Amino acid sequence: MIKNTKPIYINTNIINIQVDSQIVKGYIDSIKSDIYKWIIEHAAVEGLQIQLIVLQNPELDKKIIKNSRERFWDMEERNPHLKTLREKLNLELDI
């Protein structure tokens, strides 16, 4: 998520955080109030603003989300013994 990103401090009250995707941004937005509460309790910082910036990463754009069946078919292509084992044991994919 944001583990490889260091926050960029604009001034004492604004922090920019770069994230990898809109999904991560949405998640952090959903817990932002909890983050603010924690910071106020532990660091006594009032008026803090957290700005999230989504990085454009061509490698992430190329990734295709596959379901379990498609991932298994990919594994079978890389390892034909999986297909042989599945056929010999007369197994059906229940995924």
C-alpha atoms as a PDB file:
ATOM      1  CA  MET A   1       0.000   0.000   0.000  1.00  0.00           C
ATOM      2  CA  ILE A   2       2.090   2.869   1.264  1.00  0.00           C
ATOM      3  CA  LYS A   3       4.913   0.949   2.945  1.00  0.00           C
ATOM      4  CA  ASN A   4       7.488   2.028   0.334  1.00  0.00           C
ATOM      5  CA  THR A   5       6.444   5.664   0.423  1.00  0.00           C
ATOM      6  CA  LYS A   6       7.717   8.367   2.708  1.00  0.00           C
ATOM      7  CA  PRO A   7       5.320  11.212   3.434  1.00  0.00           C
ATOM      8  CA  ILE A   8       6.212  14.587   1.998  1.00  0.00           C
ATOM      9  CA  TYR A   9       5.722  17.411   4.473  1.00  0.00           C
ATOM     10  CA  ILE A  10       4.502  20.587   2.761  1.00  0.00           C
ATOM     11  CA  ASN A  11       4.440  22.545   6.013  1.00  0.00           C
ATOM     12  CA  THR A  12       3.670  21.749   9.631  1.00  0.00           C
ATOM     13  CA  ASN A  13      -0.003  20.996   8.905  1.00  0.00           C
ATOM     14  CA  ILE A  14      -0.013  19.389   5.429  1.00  0.00           C
ATOM     15  CA  ILE A  15       1.313  15.932   4.598  1.00  0.00           C
ATOM     16  CA  ASN A  16       1.278  14.499   1.066  1.00  0.00           C
ATOM     17  CA  ILE A  17       1.305  10.706   0.811  1.00  0.00           C
ATOM     18  CA  GLN A  18       1.849   8.966  -2.507  1.00  0.00           C
ATOM     19  CA  VAL A  19      -0.161   5.764  -3.000  1.00  0.00           C
ATOM     20  CA  ASP A  20      -0.106   3.100  -5.708  1.00  0.00           C
ATOM     21  CA  SER A  21      -3.755   3.029  -6.753  1.00  0.00           C
ATOM     22  CA  GLN A  22      -7.224   4.495  -6.426  1.00  0.00           C
ATOM     23  CA  ILE A  23      -8.171   1.473  -4.307  1.00  0.00           C
ATOM     24  CA  VAL A  24      -5.495   2.288  -1.730  1.00  0.00           C
ATOM     25  CA  LYS A  25      -6.504   5.951  -1.829  1.00  0.00           C
ATOM     26  CA  GLY A  26     -10.138   4.998  -1.209  1.00  0.00           C
ATOM     27  CA  TYR A  27      -9.176   2.774   1.707  1.00  0.00           C
ATOM     28  CA  ILE A  28      -7.062   5.454   3.360  1.00  0.00           C
ATOM     29  CA  ASP A  29      -9.791   8.026   2.763  1.00  0.00           C
ATOM     30  CA  SER A  30     -12.209   5.708   4.566  1.00  0.00           C
ATOM     31  CA  ILE A  31      -9.995   5.550   7.683  1.00  0.00           C
ATOM     32  CA  LYS A  32      -8.669   9.108   7.513  1.00  0.00           C
ATOM     33  CA  SER A  33     -10.780  10.243  10.479  1.00  0.00           C
ATOM     34  CA  ASP A  34      -9.235   7.487  12.632  1.00  0.00           C
ATOM     35  CA  ILE A  35      -5.769   8.595  11.522  1.00  0.00           C
ATOM     36  CA  TYR A  36      -6.568  12.189  12.481  1.00  0.00           C
ATOM     37  CA  LYS A  37      -7.860  11.103  15.909  1.00  0.00           C
ATOM     38  CA  TRP A  38      -4.712   9.065  16.572  1.00  0.00           C
ATOM     39  CA  ILE A  39      -2.413  11.906  15.538  1.00  0.00           C
ATOM     40  CA  ILE A  40      -4.303  14.431  17.681  1.00  0.00           C
ATOM     41  CA  GLU A  41      -4.154  12.082  20.715  1.00  0.00           C
ATOM     42  CA  HIS A  42      -0.509  11.073  20.352  1.00  0.00           C
ATOM     43  CA  ALA A  43       1.155  14.054  18.715  1.00  0.00           C
ATOM     44  CA  ALA A  44      -1.113  16.916  19.753  1.00  0.00           C
ATOM     45  CA  VAL A  45      -1.216  18.303  16.212  1.00  0.00           C
ATOM     46  CA  GLU A  46      -4.324  20.305  15.369  1.00  0.00           C
ATOM     47  CA  GLY A  47      -5.474  21.254  11.869  1.00  0.00           C
ATOM     48  CA  LEU A  48      -3.522  18.533  10.093  1.00  0.00           C
ATOM     49  CA  GLN A  49      -4.346  17.833   6.449  1.00  0.00           C
ATOM     50  CA  ILE A  50      -3.441  14.586   4.697  1.00  0.00           C
ATOM     51  CA  GLN A  51      -3.412  14.731   0.915  1.00  0.00           C
ATOM     52  CA  LEU A  52      -3.215  11.473  -1.049  1.00  0.00           C
ATOM     53  CA  ILE A  53      -1.590  11.423  -4.472  1.00  0.00           C
ATOM     54  CA  VAL A  54      -2.111   8.405  -6.758  1.00  0.00           C
ATOM     55  CA  LEU A  55       1.087   7.505  -8.610  1.00  0.00           C
ATOM     56  CA  GLN A  56       0.863   6.489 -12.234  1.00  0.00           C
ATOM     57  CA  ASN A  57       2.576   3.114 -12.464  1.00  0.00           C
ATOM     58  CA  PRO A  58       2.572   1.462 -15.911  1.00  0.00           C
ATOM     59  CA  GLU A  59       3.437  -1.922 -14.369  1.00  0.00           C
ATOM     60  CA  LEU A  60       0.298  -1.863 -12.222  1.00  0.00           C
ATOM     61  CA  ASP A  61      -1.816  -0.877 -15.224  1.00  0.00           C
ATOM     62  CA  LYS A  62      -0.641  -4.021 -17.061  1.00  0.00           C
ATOM     63  CA  LYS A  63      -1.740  -6.385 -14.289  1.00  0.00           C
ATOM     64  CA  ILE A  64      -4.821  -8.410 -15.042  1.00  0.00           C
ATOM     65  CA  ILE A  65      -7.044  -9.630 -12.267  1.00  0.00           C
ATOM     66  CA  LYS A  66      -7.779 -13.314 -12.707  1.00  0.00           C
ATOM     67  CA  ASN A  67     -10.241 -15.530 -10.937  1.00  0.00           C
ATOM     68  CA  SER A  68      -9.223 -18.804  -9.275  1.00  0.00           C
ATOM     69  CA  ARG A  69      -9.992 -20.925 -12.331  1.00  0.00           C
ATOM     70  CA  GLU A  70      -7.878 -18.736 -14.628  1.00  0.00           C
ATOM     71  CA  ARG A  71      -4.981 -18.773 -12.169  1.00  0.00           C
ATOM     72  CA  PHE A  72      -5.167 -22.577 -12.022  1.00  0.00           C
ATOM     73  CA  TRP A  73      -5.163 -22.815 -15.832  1.00  0.00           C
ATOM     74  CA  ASP A  74      -2.060 -20.615 -15.875  1.00  0.00           C
ATOM     75  CA  MET A  75      -0.395 -22.938 -13.362  1.00  0.00           C
ATOM     76  CA  GLU A  76      -1.336 -25.935 -15.511  1.00  0.00           C
ATOM     77  CA  GLU A  77       0.284 -24.304 -18.521  1.00  0.00           C
ATOM     78  CA  ARG A  78       3.509 -23.739 -16.580  1.00  0.00           C
ATOM     79  CA  ASN A  79       3.412 -27.192 -14.974  1.00  0.00           C
ATOM     80  CA  PRO A  80       1.766 -29.882 -17.157  1.00  0.00           C
ATOM     81  CA  HIS A  81       2.023 -32.377 -14.288  1.00  0.00           C
ATOM     82  CA  LEU A  82      -0.820 -30.549 -12.552  1.00  0.00           C
ATOM     83  CA  LYS A  83      -3.083 -31.318 -15.489  1.00  0.00           C
ATOM     84  CA  THR A  84      -1.944 -34.951 -15.528  1.00  0.00           C
ATOM     85  CA  LEU A  85      -2.554 -35.283 -11.797  1.00  0.00           C
ATOM     86  CA  ARG A  86      -5.993 -33.671 -12.065  1.00  0.00           C
ATOM     87  CA  GLU A  87      -6.952 -36.017 -14.921  1.00  0.00           C
ATOM     88  CA  LYS A  88      -5.596 -39.186 -13.251  1.00  0.00           C
ATOM     89  CA  LEU A  89      -7.461 -38.419 -10.039  1.00  0.00           C
ATOM     90  CA  ASN A  90     -10.551 -37.501 -12.052  1.00  0.00           C
ATOM     91  CA  LEU A  91     -10.860 -34.160 -10.289  1.00  0.00           C
ATOM     92  CA  GLU A  92     -13.147 -31.370 -11.368  1.00  0.00           C
ATOM     93  CA  LEU A  93     -12.361 -27.753 -10.645  1.00  0.00           C
ATOM     94  CA  ASP A  94     -14.780 -26.442  -8.073  1.00  0.00           C
ATOM     95  CA  ILE A  95     -13.551 -22.886  -8.259  1.00  0.00           C
END
